[in-house]
Amino acid sequence: MPEERVPADYTEMDLLEAKRFDKKVREHFMPAIISTVKQIVEDYGILQGVGVDVGCGTAIFAIELCKHSNLKIYALEKEKAIYEVARMNIENEGLTDRIILVLGDAHKMPFESDYADFIISRGSYHCWKDKVQVFKEIYRVLKKGGIGLVGGGFGRYVTDEQFERMKSLRARSLGEDVKAYSSPDKLQQVINRAGISNFRVSYDRAGLWAEIRK
């Protein structure tokens, strides 16, 4: 089990930027987080065991998933100021016993092989420099019989108004990177190159998602 490593070399400006990012997600994208968690519970039931949230950001998604599952979640984040805001959020929710924050890179995860029952990465796929390598890591860390979900979207329970508003905001925020979430063929090619055979890619109103089974 990885130990929590607390960063100390971020600047006050970094922390202010991270807090602004957190505020933006809460104000504009909470319907997507709530909708996606509801969809996960409906599709997979109440999840048990060990979960990993890859690219957890300020842990808003991990917190929501924790509230609707029995998972112990390891929230992996590489940006130190974002990590610090995530730590504050987890503490404020009283979930430090259920969500363990880990400073680390998705390309080389600080977890043993066959470690997690459930792995989720929502909205960090476009940030991965070597997408094939990250998928290899996800598959390595996943237990036999485990489930991995990678992608992005707003879930099937958002209203039409929420969908259009968040779609527009995401496009403005990500620029060219937004195309990563509308390219199912490219996503499938990446997973094939990672040597993973047991997967399926879905692309619909709920978003672009890859489900991996081991």
N, C-alpha and C. Protein backbone atom coordinates (compact mmCIF):
# COMPACT_ATOMS: atom_id res chain seq x y z
N MET A 1 0.85 -1.20 0.00
CA MET A 1 0.00 0.00 0.00
C MET A 1 0.88 1.24 0.00
N PRO A 2 0.67 2.18 -0.93
CA PRO A 2 1.51 3.38 -0.98
C PRO A 2 1.29 4.29 0.22
N GLU A 3 2.34 4.94 0.64
CA GLU A 3 2.22 5.89 1.73
C GLU A 3 1.87 7.27 1.17
N GLU A 4 1.12 8.03 1.97
CA GLU A 4 0.79 9.40 1.58
C GLU A 4 2.05 10.25 1.62
N ARG A 5 2.28 10.98 0.56
CA ARG A 5 3.45 11.85 0.48
C ARG A 5 2.97 13.28 0.30
N VAL A 6 3.24 14.11 1.26
CA VAL A 6 2.71 15.47 1.25
C VAL A 6 3.67 16.42 0.55
N PRO A 7 3.23 17.12 -0.47
CA PRO A 7 4.13 18.04 -1.18
C PRO A 7 4.40 19.29 -0.37
N ALA A 8 5.55 19.90 -0.59
CA ALA A 8 5.89 21.10 0.16
C ALA A 8 6.43 22.22 -0.72
N ASP A 9 6.59 21.97 -2.01
CA ASP A 9 7.29 22.95 -2.85
C ASP A 9 6.38 23.64 -3.87
N TYR A 10 5.08 23.71 -3.61
CA TYR A 10 4.21 24.50 -4.46
C TYR A 10 4.21 25.94 -3.95
N THR A 11 3.88 26.89 -4.81
CA THR A 11 3.85 28.29 -4.40
C THR A 11 2.44 28.70 -4.05
N GLU A 12 2.31 29.85 -3.41
CA GLU A 12 0.99 30.37 -3.05
C GLU A 12 0.15 30.61 -4.30
N MET A 13 0.79 31.05 -5.39
CA MET A 13 0.06 31.26 -6.64
C MET A 13 -0.45 29.93 -7.19
N ASP A 14 0.36 28.89 -7.09
CA ASP A 14 -0.08 27.57 -7.51
C ASP A 14 -1.34 27.17 -6.75
N LEU A 15 -1.34 27.43 -5.46
CA LEU A 15 -2.47 27.05 -4.63
C LEU A 15 -3.71 27.85 -4.99
N LEU A 16 -3.55 29.11 -5.28
CA LEU A 16 -4.68 29.95 -5.70
C LEU A 16 -5.26 29.45 -7.02
N GLU A 17 -4.40 29.06 -7.95
CA GLU A 17 -4.86 28.51 -9.23
C GLU A 17 -5.63 27.21 -9.01
N ALA A 18 -5.11 26.37 -8.13
CA ALA A 18 -5.77 25.10 -7.83
C ALA A 18 -7.14 25.34 -7.20
N LYS A 19 -7.23 26.31 -6.34
CA LYS A 19 -8.53 26.63 -5.71
C LYS A 19 -9.51 27.19 -6.73
N ARG A 20 -9.01 27.96 -7.69
CA ARG A 20 -9.88 28.47 -8.76
C ARG A 20 -10.40 27.33 -9.63
N PHE A 21 -9.51 26.36 -9.91
CA PHE A 21 -9.91 25.19 -10.67
C PHE A 21 -11.00 24.41 -9.92
N ASP A 22 -10.80 24.22 -8.63
CA ASP A 22 -11.77 23.51 -7.81
C ASP A 22 -13.12 24.21 -7.83
N LYS A 23 -13.09 25.53 -7.71
CA LYS A 23 -14.33 26.33 -7.72
C LYS A 23 -15.05 26.21 -9.06
N LYS A 24 -14.29 26.21 -10.14
CA LYS A 24 -14.88 26.09 -11.47
C LYS A 24 -15.58 24.75 -11.64
N VAL A 25 -14.93 23.68 -11.20
CA VAL A 25 -15.54 22.35 -11.32
C VAL A 25 -16.83 22.29 -10.51
N ARG A 26 -16.81 22.80 -9.30
CA ARG A 26 -17.99 22.76 -8.44
C ARG A 26 -19.14 23.57 -9.03
N GLU A 27 -18.82 24.72 -9.57
CA GLU A 27 -19.87 25.61 -10.08
C GLU A 27 -20.46 25.15 -11.40
N HIS A 28 -19.63 24.49 -12.24
CA HIS A 28 -20.07 24.22 -13.60
C HIS A 28 -20.24 22.74 -13.95
N PHE A 29 -19.54 21.85 -13.25
CA PHE A 29 -19.52 20.45 -13.69
C PHE A 29 -20.03 19.44 -12.65
N MET A 30 -20.56 19.92 -11.54
CA MET A 30 -21.11 18.99 -10.54
C MET A 30 -22.23 18.11 -11.10
N PRO A 31 -23.12 18.62 -11.96
CA PRO A 31 -24.15 17.72 -12.51
C PRO A 31 -23.56 16.52 -13.23
N ALA A 32 -22.43 16.71 -13.91
CA ALA A 32 -21.78 15.60 -14.62
C ALA A 32 -21.20 14.59 -13.64
N ILE A 33 -20.62 15.06 -12.56
CA ILE A 33 -20.03 14.17 -11.57
C ILE A 33 -21.12 13.34 -10.89
N ILE A 34 -22.19 14.00 -10.48
CA ILE A 34 -23.31 13.30 -9.85
C ILE A 34 -23.93 12.30 -10.81
N SER A 35 -24.12 12.71 -12.06
CA SER A 35 -24.73 11.85 -13.08
C SER A 35 -23.86 10.63 -13.36
N THR A 36 -22.55 10.82 -13.48
CA THR A 36 -21.65 9.71 -13.81
C THR A 36 -21.57 8.71 -12.67
N VAL A 37 -21.52 9.18 -11.44
CA VAL A 37 -21.50 8.27 -10.30
C VAL A 37 -22.80 7.47 -10.24
N LYS A 38 -23.92 8.14 -10.46
CA LYS A 38 -25.21 7.44 -10.47
C LYS A 38 -25.23 6.36 -11.55
N GLN A 39 -24.67 6.67 -12.70
CA GLN A 39 -24.61 5.71 -13.80
C GLN A 39 -23.73 4.52 -13.44
N ILE A 40 -22.59 4.77 -12.81
CA ILE A 40 -21.69 3.69 -12.41
C ILE A 40 -22.38 2.75 -11.43
N VAL A 41 -23.07 3.31 -10.45
CA VAL A 41 -23.77 2.48 -9.47
C VAL A 41 -24.87 1.67 -10.15
N GLU A 42 -25.57 2.28 -11.08
CA GLU A 42 -26.64 1.57 -11.78
C GLU A 42 -26.07 0.43 -12.63
N ASP A 43 -24.93 0.67 -13.26
CA ASP A 43 -24.35 -0.33 -14.17
C ASP A 43 -23.60 -1.45 -13.45
N TYR A 44 -22.97 -1.12 -12.30
CA TYR A 44 -22.08 -2.08 -11.67
C TYR A 44 -22.48 -2.45 -10.24
N GLY A 45 -23.52 -1.82 -9.73
CA GLY A 45 -23.92 -2.09 -8.36
C GLY A 45 -23.06 -1.32 -7.37
N ILE A 46 -23.27 -1.60 -6.08
CA ILE A 46 -22.48 -0.94 -5.04
C ILE A 46 -21.09 -1.56 -5.04
N LEU A 47 -20.11 -0.79 -5.42
CA LEU A 47 -18.75 -1.30 -5.56
C LEU A 47 -18.09 -1.52 -4.20
N GLN A 48 -17.31 -2.60 -4.13
CA GLN A 48 -16.64 -3.00 -2.90
C GLN A 48 -15.13 -3.03 -3.13
N GLY A 49 -14.39 -3.05 -2.04
CA GLY A 49 -12.95 -3.29 -2.11
C GLY A 49 -12.13 -2.02 -2.31
N VAL A 50 -11.08 -2.16 -3.12
CA VAL A 50 -10.12 -1.08 -3.34
C VAL A 50 -10.38 -0.42 -4.69
N GLY A 51 -10.49 0.91 -4.67
CA GLY A 51 -10.64 1.68 -5.89
C GLY A 51 -9.46 2.61 -6.08
N VAL A 52 -9.19 2.94 -7.33
CA VAL A 52 -8.16 3.94 -7.64
C VAL A 52 -8.78 4.95 -8.60
N ASP A 53 -8.66 6.23 -8.26
CA ASP A 53 -9.09 7.32 -9.14
C ASP A 53 -7.83 7.93 -9.74
N VAL A 54 -7.61 7.68 -11.02
CA VAL A 54 -6.40 8.11 -11.71
C VAL A 54 -6.59 9.53 -12.24
N GLY A 55 -5.76 10.45 -11.77
CA GLY A 55 -5.93 11.86 -12.14
C GLY A 55 -7.12 12.44 -11.43
N CYS A 56 -7.09 12.36 -10.12
CA CYS A 56 -8.29 12.68 -9.31
C CYS A 56 -8.59 14.16 -9.23
N GLY A 57 -7.68 15.02 -9.66
CA GLY A 57 -7.94 16.46 -9.52
C GLY A 57 -8.08 16.83 -8.06
N THR A 58 -9.07 17.62 -7.74
CA THR A 58 -9.26 18.06 -6.35
C THR A 58 -10.16 17.10 -5.57
N ALA A 59 -10.31 15.89 -6.08
CA ALA A 59 -10.98 14.77 -5.40
C ALA A 59 -12.50 14.91 -5.31
N ILE A 60 -13.08 15.79 -6.10
CA ILE A 60 -14.53 15.96 -6.05
C ILE A 60 -15.24 14.69 -6.52
N PHE A 61 -14.73 14.08 -7.59
CA PHE A 61 -15.34 12.85 -8.09
C PHE A 61 -15.13 11.71 -7.10
N ALA A 62 -13.92 11.57 -6.55
CA ALA A 62 -13.65 10.52 -5.59
C ALA A 62 -14.56 10.63 -4.37
N ILE A 63 -14.81 11.83 -3.93
CA ILE A 63 -15.69 12.05 -2.78
C ILE A 63 -17.11 11.59 -3.10
N GLU A 64 -17.61 11.97 -4.27
CA GLU A 64 -18.97 11.57 -4.66
C GLU A 64 -19.06 10.05 -4.81
N LEU A 65 -18.05 9.43 -5.42
CA LEU A 65 -18.06 7.98 -5.59
C LEU A 65 -17.97 7.28 -4.23
N CYS A 66 -17.19 7.81 -3.33
CA CYS A 66 -17.05 7.23 -1.99
C CYS A 66 -18.40 7.23 -1.27
N LYS A 67 -19.17 8.28 -1.44
CA LYS A 67 -20.47 8.41 -0.76
C LYS A 67 -21.49 7.40 -1.28
N HIS A 68 -21.26 6.86 -2.49
CA HIS A 68 -22.24 5.96 -3.10
C HIS A 68 -21.65 4.57 -3.36
N SER A 69 -20.61 4.21 -2.63
CA SER A 69 -20.00 2.89 -2.78
C SER A 69 -19.42 2.49 -1.43
N ASN A 70 -18.87 1.29 -1.39
CA ASN A 70 -18.15 0.82 -0.21
C ASN A 70 -16.65 0.73 -0.49
N LEU A 71 -16.20 1.44 -1.49
CA LEU A 71 -14.79 1.42 -1.87
C LEU A 71 -13.92 2.18 -0.88
N LYS A 72 -12.70 1.70 -0.71
CA LYS A 72 -11.63 2.51 -0.16
C LYS A 72 -10.86 3.01 -1.36
N ILE A 73 -10.82 4.32 -1.55
CA ILE A 73 -10.33 4.90 -2.79
C ILE A 73 -8.96 5.53 -2.61
N TYR A 74 -8.04 5.14 -3.47
CA TYR A 74 -6.74 5.79 -3.55
C TYR A 74 -6.82 6.81 -4.68
N ALA A 75 -6.71 8.07 -4.32
CA ALA A 75 -6.87 9.17 -5.28
C ALA A 75 -5.49 9.64 -5.72
N LEU A 76 -5.17 9.39 -6.99
CA LEU A 76 -3.83 9.65 -7.53
C LEU A 76 -3.80 10.97 -8.28
N GLU A 77 -2.90 11.85 -7.88
CA GLU A 77 -2.78 13.16 -8.52
C GLU A 77 -1.30 13.55 -8.58
N LYS A 78 -0.87 14.11 -9.72
CA LYS A 78 0.55 14.45 -9.87
C LYS A 78 0.85 15.93 -9.62
N GLU A 79 -0.14 16.81 -9.75
CA GLU A 79 0.10 18.24 -9.54
C GLU A 79 0.01 18.56 -8.06
N LYS A 80 1.07 19.14 -7.51
CA LYS A 80 1.17 19.27 -6.07
C LYS A 80 0.16 20.23 -5.46
N ALA A 81 -0.11 21.34 -6.12
CA ALA A 81 -1.09 22.28 -5.57
C ALA A 81 -2.51 21.71 -5.65
N ILE A 82 -2.82 21.02 -6.75
CA ILE A 82 -4.10 20.34 -6.87
C ILE A 82 -4.25 19.29 -5.77
N TYR A 83 -3.18 18.55 -5.54
CA TYR A 83 -3.13 17.56 -4.46
C TYR A 83 -3.49 18.20 -3.12
N GLU A 84 -2.94 19.36 -2.86
CA GLU A 84 -3.18 20.03 -1.58
C GLU A 84 -4.64 20.43 -1.42
N VAL A 85 -5.26 20.94 -2.48
CA VAL A 85 -6.68 21.28 -2.41
C VAL A 85 -7.52 20.01 -2.25
N ALA A 86 -7.11 18.94 -2.92
CA ALA A 86 -7.81 17.65 -2.74
C ALA A 86 -7.74 17.21 -1.28
N ARG A 87 -6.58 17.36 -0.67
CA ARG A 87 -6.44 16.99 0.75
C ARG A 87 -7.41 17.78 1.62
N MET A 88 -7.53 19.08 1.36
CA MET A 88 -8.47 19.91 2.12
C MET A 88 -9.91 19.43 1.93
N ASN A 89 -10.26 19.11 0.68
CA ASN A 89 -11.62 18.68 0.38
C ASN A 89 -11.96 17.37 1.09
N ILE A 90 -11.02 16.43 1.07
CA ILE A 90 -11.24 15.14 1.72
C ILE A 90 -11.40 15.32 3.23
N GLU A 91 -10.57 16.15 3.80
CA GLU A 91 -10.66 16.41 5.24
C GLU A 91 -11.98 17.08 5.58
N ASN A 92 -12.39 18.04 4.78
CA ASN A 92 -13.65 18.76 5.04
C ASN A 92 -14.86 17.84 4.99
N GLU A 93 -14.77 16.79 4.17
CA GLU A 93 -15.88 15.83 4.06
C GLU A 93 -15.79 14.73 5.12
N GLY A 94 -14.72 14.73 5.90
CA GLY A 94 -14.55 13.71 6.93
C GLY A 94 -14.31 12.32 6.36
N LEU A 95 -13.61 12.25 5.23
CA LEU A 95 -13.43 10.98 4.53
C LEU A 95 -11.96 10.53 4.46
N THR A 96 -11.15 11.00 5.39
CA THR A 96 -9.73 10.64 5.35
C THR A 96 -9.49 9.16 5.60
N ASP A 97 -10.46 8.46 6.19
CA ASP A 97 -10.31 7.02 6.41
C ASP A 97 -10.71 6.21 5.19
N ARG A 98 -11.40 6.84 4.23
CA ARG A 98 -11.90 6.13 3.06
C ARG A 98 -11.22 6.55 1.77
N ILE A 99 -10.68 7.76 1.73
CA ILE A 99 -10.00 8.26 0.54
C ILE A 99 -8.56 8.59 0.91
N ILE A 100 -7.62 7.84 0.32
CA ILE A 100 -6.20 8.03 0.58
C ILE A 100 -5.58 8.76 -0.60
N LEU A 101 -5.08 9.94 -0.35
CA LEU A 101 -4.49 10.75 -1.41
C LEU A 101 -3.06 10.30 -1.68
N VAL A 102 -2.73 10.14 -2.95
CA VAL A 102 -1.40 9.67 -3.34
C VAL A 102 -0.84 10.61 -4.40
N LEU A 103 0.35 11.13 -4.16
CA LEU A 103 1.03 11.97 -5.14
C LEU A 103 1.82 11.06 -6.08
N GLY A 104 1.44 11.07 -7.35
CA GLY A 104 2.12 10.18 -8.28
C GLY A 104 1.65 10.37 -9.70
N ASP A 105 2.35 9.72 -10.61
CA ASP A 105 2.12 9.86 -12.05
C ASP A 105 1.41 8.63 -12.58
N ALA A 106 0.40 8.85 -13.42
CA ALA A 106 -0.34 7.74 -14.01
C ALA A 106 0.53 6.85 -14.87
N HIS A 107 1.62 7.39 -15.42
CA HIS A 107 2.50 6.61 -16.29
C HIS A 107 3.33 5.57 -15.51
N LYS A 108 3.44 5.75 -14.21
CA LYS A 108 4.15 4.81 -13.36
C LYS A 108 3.50 4.84 -11.99
N MET A 109 2.40 4.15 -11.86
CA MET A 109 1.60 4.23 -10.64
C MET A 109 2.29 3.55 -9.46
N PRO A 110 2.22 4.17 -8.29
CA PRO A 110 2.89 3.62 -7.11
C PRO A 110 2.03 2.56 -6.41
N PHE A 111 1.52 1.60 -7.18
CA PHE A 111 0.71 0.52 -6.65
C PHE A 111 1.27 -0.82 -7.11
N GLU A 112 1.09 -1.83 -6.28
CA GLU A 112 1.48 -3.17 -6.67
C GLU A 112 0.58 -3.68 -7.79
N SER A 113 1.03 -4.69 -8.50
CA SER A 113 0.20 -5.33 -9.51
C SER A 113 -0.98 -6.04 -8.84
N ASP A 114 -2.09 -6.14 -9.57
CA ASP A 114 -3.29 -6.82 -9.07
C ASP A 114 -3.75 -6.22 -7.74
N TYR A 115 -3.83 -4.90 -7.67
CA TYR A 115 -4.08 -4.20 -6.42
C TYR A 115 -5.53 -3.73 -6.27
N ALA A 116 -6.15 -3.30 -7.37
CA ALA A 116 -7.43 -2.60 -7.28
C ALA A 116 -8.57 -3.39 -7.87
N ASP A 117 -9.72 -3.33 -7.21
CA ASP A 117 -10.94 -3.95 -7.72
C ASP A 117 -11.61 -3.08 -8.77
N PHE A 118 -11.43 -1.77 -8.65
CA PHE A 118 -12.09 -0.83 -9.55
C PHE A 118 -11.16 0.35 -9.79
N ILE A 119 -10.96 0.70 -11.06
CA ILE A 119 -10.13 1.86 -11.42
C ILE A 119 -10.95 2.78 -12.30
N ILE A 120 -10.95 4.05 -11.95
CA ILE A 120 -11.69 5.04 -12.73
C ILE A 120 -10.75 6.18 -13.11
N SER A 121 -10.86 6.65 -14.33
CA SER A 121 -10.19 7.89 -14.72
C SER A 121 -11.17 8.68 -15.56
N ARG A 122 -11.70 9.71 -14.97
CA ARG A 122 -12.67 10.55 -15.67
C ARG A 122 -12.06 11.91 -15.96
N GLY A 123 -11.89 12.21 -17.24
CA GLY A 123 -11.46 13.54 -17.64
C GLY A 123 -9.97 13.81 -17.58
N SER A 124 -9.16 12.77 -17.37
CA SER A 124 -7.71 12.99 -17.37
C SER A 124 -7.03 12.37 -18.59
N TYR A 125 -7.78 11.61 -19.37
CA TYR A 125 -7.24 10.89 -20.53
C TYR A 125 -6.48 11.82 -21.47
N HIS A 126 -7.01 13.02 -21.71
CA HIS A 126 -6.38 13.94 -22.66
C HIS A 126 -5.02 14.46 -22.16
N CYS A 127 -4.76 14.32 -20.86
CA CYS A 127 -3.51 14.83 -20.28
C CYS A 127 -2.34 13.84 -20.41
N TRP A 128 -2.65 12.59 -20.72
CA TRP A 128 -1.60 11.56 -20.71
C TRP A 128 -0.69 11.70 -21.92
N LYS A 129 0.60 11.87 -21.66
CA LYS A 129 1.56 12.00 -22.76
C LYS A 129 1.74 10.69 -23.52
N ASP A 130 1.74 9.59 -22.78
CA ASP A 130 1.87 8.27 -23.38
C ASP A 130 0.64 7.45 -22.97
N LYS A 131 -0.39 7.56 -23.77
CA LYS A 131 -1.67 6.94 -23.42
C LYS A 131 -1.56 5.41 -23.35
N VAL A 132 -0.76 4.83 -24.23
CA VAL A 132 -0.57 3.38 -24.23
C VAL A 132 0.03 2.93 -22.90
N GLN A 133 1.03 3.64 -22.43
CA GLN A 133 1.69 3.29 -21.17
C GLN A 133 0.72 3.37 -19.99
N VAL A 134 -0.13 4.39 -19.97
CA VAL A 134 -1.07 4.51 -18.85
C VAL A 134 -2.07 3.36 -18.85
N PHE A 135 -2.53 2.98 -20.03
CA PHE A 135 -3.44 1.83 -20.09
C PHE A 135 -2.74 0.55 -19.62
N LYS A 136 -1.48 0.40 -19.96
CA LYS A 136 -0.73 -0.75 -19.47
C LYS A 136 -0.66 -0.74 -17.95
N GLU A 137 -0.46 0.44 -17.37
CA GLU A 137 -0.41 0.57 -15.92
C GLU A 137 -1.76 0.26 -15.28
N ILE A 138 -2.82 0.76 -15.88
CA ILE A 138 -4.16 0.47 -15.35
C ILE A 138 -4.42 -1.03 -15.35
N TYR A 139 -4.06 -1.69 -16.43
CA TYR A 139 -4.29 -3.13 -16.52
C TYR A 139 -3.41 -3.88 -15.51
N ARG A 140 -2.20 -3.42 -15.32
CA ARG A 140 -1.30 -4.05 -14.35
C ARG A 140 -1.86 -3.96 -12.94
N VAL A 141 -2.35 -2.80 -12.57
CA VAL A 141 -2.82 -2.56 -11.20
C VAL A 141 -4.18 -3.22 -10.94
N LEU A 142 -4.94 -3.43 -11.98
CA LEU A 142 -6.27 -4.02 -11.84
C LEU A 142 -6.18 -5.48 -11.42
N LYS A 143 -7.02 -5.86 -10.46
CA LYS A 143 -7.09 -7.26 -10.04
C LYS A 143 -7.79 -8.10 -11.10
N LYS A 144 -7.55 -9.38 -11.09
CA LYS A 144 -8.31 -10.29 -11.93
C LYS A 144 -9.77 -10.23 -11.51
N GLY A 145 -10.64 -10.04 -12.47
CA GLY A 145 -12.05 -9.85 -12.18
C GLY A 145 -12.42 -8.40 -11.92
N GLY A 146 -11.44 -7.51 -11.95
CA GLY A 146 -11.69 -6.10 -11.69
C GLY A 146 -12.20 -5.37 -12.93
N ILE A 147 -12.62 -4.14 -12.70
CA ILE A 147 -13.18 -3.30 -13.76
C ILE A 147 -12.44 -1.98 -13.80
N GLY A 148 -12.08 -1.55 -15.00
CA GLY A 148 -11.49 -0.24 -15.19
C GLY A 148 -12.33 0.59 -16.14
N LEU A 149 -12.54 1.85 -15.82
CA LEU A 149 -13.29 2.77 -16.68
C LEU A 149 -12.43 3.99 -16.97
N VAL A 150 -12.25 4.28 -18.24
CA VAL A 150 -11.45 5.42 -18.66
C VAL A 150 -12.22 6.22 -19.70
N GLY A 151 -12.27 7.53 -19.52
CA GLY A 151 -12.92 8.35 -20.53
C GLY A 151 -13.35 9.68 -19.97
N GLY A 152 -14.43 10.17 -20.52
CA GLY A 152 -14.95 11.46 -20.09
C GLY A 152 -16.34 11.67 -20.64
N GLY A 153 -17.10 12.45 -19.93
CA GLY A 153 -18.47 12.72 -20.35
C GLY A 153 -19.28 13.19 -19.18
N PHE A 154 -20.55 13.35 -19.41
CA PHE A 154 -21.42 13.96 -18.40
C PHE A 154 -22.41 12.97 -17.80
N GLY A 155 -22.38 11.72 -18.23
CA GLY A 155 -23.31 10.74 -17.70
C GLY A 155 -24.68 10.87 -18.34
N ARG A 156 -25.50 9.85 -18.20
CA ARG A 156 -26.78 9.83 -18.90
C ARG A 156 -27.91 10.52 -18.16
N TYR A 157 -27.62 11.06 -16.97
CA TYR A 157 -28.70 11.64 -16.17
C TYR A 157 -28.72 13.17 -16.17
N VAL A 158 -27.85 13.81 -16.92
CA VAL A 158 -27.91 15.27 -17.00
C VAL A 158 -29.07 15.69 -17.91
N THR A 159 -29.60 16.87 -17.66
CA THR A 159 -30.65 17.39 -18.51
C THR A 159 -30.07 17.89 -19.82
N ASP A 160 -30.91 18.13 -20.79
CA ASP A 160 -30.43 18.67 -22.08
C ASP A 160 -29.73 20.01 -21.88
N GLU A 161 -30.31 20.84 -21.01
CA GLU A 161 -29.71 22.15 -20.77
C GLU A 161 -28.34 22.02 -20.14
N GLN A 162 -28.22 21.14 -19.15
CA GLN A 162 -26.93 20.91 -18.50
C GLN A 162 -25.92 20.35 -19.48
N PHE A 163 -26.35 19.42 -20.31
CA PHE A 163 -25.47 18.81 -21.30
C PHE A 163 -24.88 19.85 -22.24
N GLU A 164 -25.72 20.68 -22.82
CA GLU A 164 -25.25 21.68 -23.79
C GLU A 164 -24.35 22.71 -23.13
N ARG A 165 -24.70 23.12 -21.91
CA ARG A 165 -23.89 24.11 -21.22
C ARG A 165 -22.51 23.55 -20.89
N MET A 166 -22.45 22.33 -20.34
CA MET A 166 -21.16 21.75 -19.97
C MET A 166 -20.33 21.39 -21.20
N LYS A 167 -20.99 20.96 -22.26
CA LYS A 167 -20.27 20.66 -23.50
C LYS A 167 -19.57 21.90 -24.03
N SER A 168 -20.25 23.02 -24.00
CA SER A 168 -19.66 24.29 -24.46
C SER A 168 -18.51 24.73 -23.56
N LEU A 169 -18.71 24.62 -22.25
CA LEU A 169 -17.66 25.00 -21.30
C LEU A 169 -16.43 24.12 -21.45
N ARG A 170 -16.65 22.82 -21.63
CA ARG A 170 -15.53 21.90 -21.78
C ARG A 170 -14.73 22.22 -23.04
N ALA A 171 -15.43 22.51 -24.13
CA ALA A 171 -14.76 22.83 -25.38
C ALA A 171 -13.87 24.08 -25.23
N ARG A 172 -14.38 25.08 -24.52
CA ARG A 172 -13.61 26.30 -24.31
C ARG A 172 -12.42 26.05 -23.40
N SER A 173 -12.60 25.19 -22.41
CA SER A 173 -11.54 24.93 -21.44
C SER A 173 -10.41 24.09 -22.03
N LEU A 174 -10.76 23.08 -22.82
CA LEU A 174 -9.76 22.13 -23.31
C LEU A 174 -9.18 22.48 -24.66
N GLY A 175 -9.87 23.28 -25.44
CA GLY A 175 -9.37 23.61 -26.77
C GLY A 175 -9.29 22.37 -27.65
N GLU A 176 -8.15 22.18 -28.31
CA GLU A 176 -7.97 21.03 -29.20
C GLU A 176 -8.03 19.70 -28.46
N ASP A 177 -7.68 19.71 -27.17
CA ASP A 177 -7.68 18.46 -26.40
C ASP A 177 -9.07 17.85 -26.26
N VAL A 178 -10.11 18.64 -26.47
CA VAL A 178 -11.47 18.12 -26.34
C VAL A 178 -11.75 17.02 -27.34
N LYS A 179 -11.01 17.00 -28.45
CA LYS A 179 -11.21 15.98 -29.49
C LYS A 179 -10.93 14.57 -28.97
N ALA A 180 -10.14 14.48 -27.90
CA ALA A 180 -9.84 13.16 -27.33
C ALA A 180 -11.11 12.45 -26.87
N TYR A 181 -12.15 13.22 -26.56
CA TYR A 181 -13.38 12.64 -26.03
C TYR A 181 -14.47 12.46 -27.10
N SER A 182 -14.06 12.58 -28.35
CA SER A 182 -15.00 12.32 -29.46
C SER A 182 -14.34 11.46 -30.53
N SER A 183 -13.35 10.67 -30.10
CA SER A 183 -12.59 9.84 -31.05
C SER A 183 -12.55 8.39 -30.58
N PRO A 184 -13.68 7.67 -30.66
CA PRO A 184 -13.70 6.29 -30.18
C PRO A 184 -12.74 5.37 -30.91
N ASP A 185 -12.54 5.59 -32.21
CA ASP A 185 -11.62 4.73 -32.96
C ASP A 185 -10.19 4.88 -32.45
N LYS A 186 -9.78 6.11 -32.15
CA LYS A 186 -8.42 6.34 -31.64
C LYS A 186 -8.26 5.72 -30.25
N LEU A 187 -9.30 5.83 -29.43
CA LEU A 187 -9.24 5.24 -28.10
C LEU A 187 -9.09 3.72 -28.21
N GLN A 188 -9.82 3.11 -29.10
CA GLN A 188 -9.73 1.66 -29.30
C GLN A 188 -8.34 1.27 -29.78
N GLN A 189 -7.76 2.06 -30.67
CA GLN A 189 -6.41 1.77 -31.15
C GLN A 189 -5.39 1.83 -30.02
N VAL A 190 -5.53 2.82 -29.14
CA VAL A 190 -4.62 2.95 -28.01
C VAL A 190 -4.68 1.71 -27.12
N ILE A 191 -5.90 1.26 -26.82
CA ILE A 191 -6.06 0.10 -25.94
C ILE A 191 -5.51 -1.16 -26.61
N ASN A 192 -5.74 -1.30 -27.90
CA ASN A 192 -5.17 -2.44 -28.62
C ASN A 192 -3.64 -2.44 -28.54
N ARG A 193 -3.05 -1.27 -28.72
CA ARG A 193 -1.59 -1.14 -28.65
C ARG A 193 -1.05 -1.45 -27.26
N ALA A 194 -1.89 -1.27 -26.24
CA ALA A 194 -1.49 -1.59 -24.86
C ALA A 194 -1.55 -3.09 -24.60
N GLY A 195 -2.06 -3.85 -25.58
CA GLY A 195 -2.11 -5.30 -25.43
C GLY A 195 -3.28 -5.80 -24.61
N ILE A 196 -4.30 -4.96 -24.47
CA ILE A 196 -5.49 -5.34 -23.70
C ILE A 196 -6.55 -5.85 -24.66
N SER A 197 -7.07 -7.02 -24.41
CA SER A 197 -8.04 -7.62 -25.33
C SER A 197 -9.47 -7.57 -24.80
N ASN A 198 -9.63 -7.62 -23.48
CA ASN A 198 -10.97 -7.70 -22.91
C ASN A 198 -11.45 -6.29 -22.55
N PHE A 199 -12.02 -5.61 -23.53
CA PHE A 199 -12.51 -4.25 -23.31
C PHE A 199 -13.62 -3.95 -24.30
N ARG A 200 -14.35 -2.90 -24.00
CA ARG A 200 -15.34 -2.37 -24.95
C ARG A 200 -15.34 -0.86 -24.85
N VAL A 201 -15.57 -0.21 -25.97
CA VAL A 201 -15.63 1.25 -26.04
C VAL A 201 -17.06 1.66 -26.35
N SER A 202 -17.58 2.59 -25.57
CA SER A 202 -18.91 3.14 -25.83
C SER A 202 -18.80 4.64 -26.07
N TYR A 203 -19.60 5.12 -26.99
CA TYR A 203 -19.60 6.54 -27.31
C TYR A 203 -21.03 6.96 -27.60
N ASP A 204 -21.62 7.65 -26.65
CA ASP A 204 -23.00 8.10 -26.78
C ASP A 204 -23.17 9.39 -25.98
N ARG A 205 -24.39 9.74 -25.68
CA ARG A 205 -24.65 10.99 -24.98
C ARG A 205 -23.97 11.03 -23.61
N ALA A 206 -23.75 9.86 -23.01
CA ALA A 206 -23.10 9.80 -21.70
C ALA A 206 -21.60 10.10 -21.78
N GLY A 207 -21.04 10.06 -22.99
CA GLY A 207 -19.62 10.35 -23.16
C GLY A 207 -18.88 9.22 -23.84
N LEU A 208 -17.58 9.38 -23.91
CA LEU A 208 -16.69 8.36 -24.48
C LEU A 208 -16.04 7.61 -23.33
N TRP A 209 -16.28 6.29 -23.30
CA TRP A 209 -15.76 5.48 -22.20
C TRP A 209 -15.20 4.16 -22.71
N ALA A 210 -14.13 3.73 -22.08
CA ALA A 210 -13.60 2.39 -22.29
C ALA A 210 -13.78 1.61 -21.00
N GLU A 211 -14.39 0.44 -21.10
CA GLU A 211 -14.51 -0.47 -19.96
C GLU A 211 -13.51 -1.60 -20.16
N ILE A 212 -12.66 -1.80 -19.17
CA ILE A 212 -11.62 -2.82 -19.22
C ILE A 212 -11.93 -3.89 -18.18
N ARG A 213 -11.82 -5.13 -18.59
CA ARG A 213 -12.00 -6.25 -17.66
C ARG A 213 -10.71 -7.06 -17.62
N LYS A 214 -10.42 -7.62 -16.46
CA LYS A 214 -9.21 -8.43 -16.31
C LYS A 214 -9.57 -9.78 -15.70
